[in-house]
Amino acid sequence: MDITKFRKKVIEGLVEMPLQMDFMPAENQHVLEEAGKKQICSSCYRENVAELGRKLAKNRTSKTKFRCNECSKFLCLSCFFVLHNAKSI
């Protein structure tokens, strides 16, 4: 079988596969969602306030566009995985 026929068979097989909708997270599960605006990471900010004070912390804390859907807090990726005991990708 040549490569063209092989590719055609693969595509035909993929098109006929049923869609599985089991990728949706269960309720009450912490998941990052992309928000429309950027905010400072709440966990990084809390740590920086303890070290630097409020004024410097506001300027030096990283901004993120991701928010936890359950906590409703803006979190950078590293803080999300640390706080929610999830495995890093």
N, C-alpha and C. Protein backbone atom coordinates (compact mmCIF):
# COMPACT_ATOMS: atom_id res chain seq x y z
N MET A 1 0.86 -1.18 0.00
CA MET A 1 0.00 0.00 0.00
C MET A 1 0.91 1.24 0.00
N ASP A 2 0.64 2.12 -0.92
CA ASP A 2 1.45 3.34 -0.98
C ASP A 2 0.97 4.35 0.06
N ILE A 3 1.76 5.39 0.26
CA ILE A 3 1.51 6.36 1.33
C ILE A 3 0.20 7.12 1.13
N THR A 4 -0.17 7.39 -0.11
CA THR A 4 -1.40 8.13 -0.38
C THR A 4 -2.62 7.33 0.04
N LYS A 5 -2.63 6.05 -0.29
CA LYS A 5 -3.77 5.20 0.10
C LYS A 5 -3.82 5.04 1.62
N PHE A 6 -2.64 4.92 2.24
CA PHE A 6 -2.57 4.80 3.70
C PHE A 6 -3.16 6.04 4.37
N ARG A 7 -2.77 7.19 3.92
CA ARG A 7 -3.28 8.44 4.50
C ARG A 7 -4.79 8.56 4.31
N LYS A 8 -5.26 8.16 3.15
CA LYS A 8 -6.69 8.22 2.88
C LYS A 8 -7.46 7.30 3.82
N LYS A 9 -6.93 6.11 4.09
CA LYS A 9 -7.58 5.17 5.00
C LYS A 9 -7.60 5.71 6.44
N VAL A 10 -6.50 6.34 6.83
CA VAL A 10 -6.43 6.92 8.18
C VAL A 10 -7.47 8.03 8.32
N ILE A 11 -7.56 8.90 7.34
CA ILE A 11 -8.52 10.00 7.39
C ILE A 11 -9.94 9.47 7.40
N GLU A 12 -10.22 8.49 6.58
CA GLU A 12 -11.57 7.90 6.57
C GLU A 12 -11.90 7.29 7.92
N GLY A 13 -10.94 6.64 8.54
CA GLY A 13 -11.17 6.06 9.86
C GLY A 13 -11.42 7.11 10.92
N LEU A 14 -10.69 8.21 10.84
CA LEU A 14 -10.86 9.27 11.83
C LEU A 14 -12.20 9.98 11.67
N VAL A 15 -12.63 10.16 10.45
CA VAL A 15 -13.89 10.86 10.20
C VAL A 15 -15.06 10.03 10.73
N GLU A 16 -14.96 8.73 10.67
CA GLU A 16 -16.05 7.86 11.11
C GLU A 16 -16.05 7.60 12.61
N MET A 17 -15.02 8.05 13.33
CA MET A 17 -14.96 7.82 14.77
C MET A 17 -15.99 8.68 15.48
N PRO A 18 -16.69 8.10 16.48
CA PRO A 18 -17.66 8.91 17.23
C PRO A 18 -16.94 9.88 18.16
N LEU A 19 -17.55 11.03 18.38
CA LEU A 19 -16.99 12.01 19.30
C LEU A 19 -17.23 11.56 20.73
N GLN A 20 -16.20 11.67 21.54
CA GLN A 20 -16.33 11.33 22.96
C GLN A 20 -16.33 12.61 23.75
N MET A 21 -17.29 12.78 24.60
CA MET A 21 -17.44 14.02 25.36
C MET A 21 -17.00 13.84 26.82
N ASP A 22 -16.10 12.91 27.09
CA ASP A 22 -15.67 12.66 28.45
C ASP A 22 -14.50 13.54 28.87
N PHE A 23 -14.17 14.54 28.07
CA PHE A 23 -13.07 15.44 28.41
C PHE A 23 -13.52 16.58 29.30
N MET A 24 -14.80 16.72 29.52
CA MET A 24 -15.30 17.80 30.35
C MET A 24 -15.02 17.49 31.82
N PRO A 25 -14.57 18.47 32.59
CA PRO A 25 -14.28 18.23 34.00
C PRO A 25 -15.56 18.02 34.81
N ALA A 26 -15.45 17.26 35.87
CA ALA A 26 -16.59 17.04 36.75
C ALA A 26 -16.90 18.33 37.51
N GLU A 27 -18.09 18.40 38.05
CA GLU A 27 -18.45 19.59 38.82
C GLU A 27 -17.59 19.68 40.07
N ASN A 28 -17.41 20.88 40.57
CA ASN A 28 -16.59 21.16 41.76
C ASN A 28 -15.15 20.73 41.57
N GLN A 29 -14.68 20.83 40.37
CA GLN A 29 -13.28 20.50 40.11
C GLN A 29 -12.57 21.80 39.70
N HIS A 30 -11.41 22.01 40.27
CA HIS A 30 -10.66 23.23 39.99
C HIS A 30 -10.00 23.13 38.62
N VAL A 31 -10.34 24.05 37.76
CA VAL A 31 -9.81 24.08 36.40
C VAL A 31 -9.46 25.52 36.05
N LEU A 32 -8.34 25.68 35.38
CA LEU A 32 -7.97 27.02 34.92
C LEU A 32 -8.80 27.38 33.70
N GLU A 33 -9.31 28.60 33.70
CA GLU A 33 -10.00 29.10 32.52
C GLU A 33 -9.40 30.44 32.15
N GLU A 34 -9.42 30.73 30.89
CA GLU A 34 -8.82 31.97 30.41
C GLU A 34 -9.82 33.10 30.58
N ALA A 35 -9.39 34.14 31.28
CA ALA A 35 -10.23 35.31 31.49
C ALA A 35 -9.88 36.35 30.42
N GLY A 36 -10.74 37.29 30.21
CA GLY A 36 -10.52 38.29 29.18
C GLY A 36 -9.47 39.32 29.53
N LYS A 37 -9.24 39.52 30.80
CA LYS A 37 -8.30 40.56 31.23
C LYS A 37 -7.18 39.92 32.04
N LYS A 38 -6.08 40.65 32.17
CA LYS A 38 -4.97 40.17 32.98
C LYS A 38 -5.05 40.79 34.37
N GLN A 39 -4.74 39.98 35.35
CA GLN A 39 -4.68 40.43 36.74
C GLN A 39 -3.41 39.88 37.36
N ILE A 40 -3.05 40.38 38.51
CA ILE A 40 -1.87 39.85 39.17
C ILE A 40 -2.22 38.50 39.82
N CYS A 41 -1.25 37.62 39.88
CA CYS A 41 -1.43 36.31 40.51
C CYS A 41 -1.62 36.52 42.01
N SER A 42 -2.71 36.03 42.54
CA SER A 42 -3.03 36.29 43.95
C SER A 42 -2.04 35.60 44.89
N SER A 43 -1.55 34.44 44.52
CA SER A 43 -0.60 33.73 45.38
C SER A 43 0.77 34.41 45.37
N CYS A 44 1.25 34.76 44.19
CA CYS A 44 2.53 35.46 44.08
C CYS A 44 2.46 36.81 44.80
N TYR A 45 1.34 37.49 44.68
CA TYR A 45 1.17 38.79 45.32
C TYR A 45 1.25 38.66 46.84
N ARG A 46 0.58 37.64 47.38
CA ARG A 46 0.59 37.42 48.83
C ARG A 46 2.02 37.18 49.32
N GLU A 47 2.80 36.38 48.58
CA GLU A 47 4.19 36.12 48.96
C GLU A 47 5.04 37.39 48.86
N ASN A 48 4.84 38.16 47.79
CA ASN A 48 5.62 39.38 47.60
C ASN A 48 5.29 40.45 48.64
N VAL A 49 4.05 40.52 49.07
CA VAL A 49 3.67 41.49 50.10
C VAL A 49 4.41 41.18 51.39
N ALA A 50 4.51 39.90 51.72
CA ALA A 50 5.21 39.52 52.95
C ALA A 50 6.70 39.91 52.89
N GLU A 51 7.30 39.81 51.70
CA GLU A 51 8.72 40.11 51.55
C GLU A 51 9.00 41.59 51.30
N LEU A 52 8.23 42.21 50.39
CA LEU A 52 8.57 43.53 49.87
C LEU A 52 7.68 44.66 50.35
N GLY A 53 6.50 44.33 50.80
CA GLY A 53 5.54 45.38 51.13
C GLY A 53 4.55 45.55 49.99
N ARG A 54 3.45 46.20 50.27
CA ARG A 54 2.34 46.30 49.32
C ARG A 54 2.69 47.04 48.04
N LYS A 55 3.38 48.17 48.14
CA LYS A 55 3.65 48.99 46.96
C LYS A 55 4.59 48.29 45.98
N LEU A 56 5.68 47.74 46.47
CA LEU A 56 6.61 47.04 45.58
C LEU A 56 6.01 45.75 45.05
N ALA A 57 5.22 45.08 45.86
CA ALA A 57 4.63 43.81 45.45
C ALA A 57 3.70 44.00 44.25
N LYS A 58 2.95 45.08 44.26
CA LYS A 58 2.01 45.34 43.16
C LYS A 58 2.75 45.49 41.83
N ASN A 59 3.91 46.12 41.84
CA ASN A 59 4.67 46.33 40.61
C ASN A 59 5.47 45.11 40.18
N ARG A 60 5.88 44.28 41.11
CA ARG A 60 6.77 43.17 40.79
C ARG A 60 6.07 41.83 40.61
N THR A 61 4.81 41.75 40.93
CA THR A 61 4.08 40.49 40.80
C THR A 61 3.69 40.26 39.35
N SER A 62 3.86 39.03 38.91
CA SER A 62 3.54 38.70 37.51
C SER A 62 2.04 38.76 37.27
N LYS A 63 1.68 39.11 36.05
CA LYS A 63 0.28 39.16 35.66
C LYS A 63 -0.07 37.89 34.90
N THR A 64 -1.31 37.48 35.04
CA THR A 64 -1.77 36.26 34.38
C THR A 64 -3.19 36.48 33.86
N LYS A 65 -3.53 35.73 32.83
CA LYS A 65 -4.89 35.81 32.30
C LYS A 65 -5.70 34.57 32.67
N PHE A 66 -5.15 33.71 33.54
CA PHE A 66 -5.84 32.48 33.93
C PHE A 66 -6.46 32.63 35.32
N ARG A 67 -7.65 32.08 35.45
CA ARG A 67 -8.41 32.15 36.70
C ARG A 67 -8.95 30.76 37.02
N CYS A 68 -8.90 30.37 38.28
CA CYS A 68 -9.47 29.10 38.71
C CYS A 68 -10.99 29.24 38.74
N ASN A 69 -11.68 28.29 38.12
CA ASN A 69 -13.13 28.42 38.02
C ASN A 69 -13.83 28.22 39.36
N GLU A 70 -13.24 27.48 40.29
CA GLU A 70 -13.86 27.26 41.59
C GLU A 70 -13.49 28.33 42.60
N CYS A 71 -12.21 28.69 42.66
CA CYS A 71 -11.73 29.68 43.63
C CYS A 71 -12.01 31.11 43.20
N SER A 72 -12.17 31.32 41.91
CA SER A 72 -12.34 32.65 41.32
C SER A 72 -11.15 33.55 41.61
N LYS A 73 -9.95 32.94 41.68
CA LYS A 73 -8.72 33.69 41.89
C LYS A 73 -7.86 33.61 40.64
N PHE A 74 -7.22 34.71 40.32
CA PHE A 74 -6.25 34.69 39.23
C PHE A 74 -4.98 34.05 39.75
N LEU A 75 -4.48 33.04 39.02
CA LEU A 75 -3.28 32.31 39.43
C LEU A 75 -2.41 32.04 38.22
N CYS A 76 -1.09 32.21 38.40
CA CYS A 76 -0.19 31.80 37.33
C CYS A 76 -0.15 30.27 37.32
N LEU A 77 0.37 29.69 36.27
CA LEU A 77 0.34 28.24 36.14
C LEU A 77 1.06 27.54 37.28
N SER A 78 2.24 28.02 37.64
CA SER A 78 2.99 27.34 38.70
C SER A 78 2.24 27.40 40.03
N CYS A 79 1.65 28.53 40.36
CA CYS A 79 0.90 28.65 41.62
C CYS A 79 -0.35 27.78 41.61
N PHE A 80 -1.02 27.68 40.47
CA PHE A 80 -2.21 26.84 40.38
C PHE A 80 -1.87 25.40 40.72
N PHE A 81 -0.79 24.88 40.13
CA PHE A 81 -0.42 23.49 40.37
C PHE A 81 0.05 23.26 41.81
N VAL A 82 0.71 24.24 42.39
CA VAL A 82 1.15 24.10 43.78
C VAL A 82 -0.04 24.13 44.72
N LEU A 83 -0.94 25.08 44.53
CA LEU A 83 -2.07 25.25 45.45
C LEU A 83 -3.10 24.14 45.34
N HIS A 84 -3.25 23.56 44.19
CA HIS A 84 -4.29 22.56 43.98
C HIS A 84 -3.73 21.14 43.93
N ASN A 85 -2.48 20.99 44.27
CA ASN A 85 -1.84 19.68 44.31
C ASN A 85 -2.04 18.88 43.03
N ALA A 86 -1.99 19.58 41.91
CA ALA A 86 -2.15 18.92 40.62
C ALA A 86 -0.75 18.64 40.06
N LYS A 87 -0.70 17.71 39.16
CA LYS A 87 0.57 17.39 38.51
C LYS A 87 0.84 18.40 37.40
N SER A 88 2.05 18.88 37.33
CA SER A 88 2.44 19.83 36.29
C SER A 88 2.56 19.11 34.96
N ILE A 89 2.12 19.78 33.93
CA ILE A 89 2.19 19.18 32.58
C ILE A 89 3.56 19.32 32.02
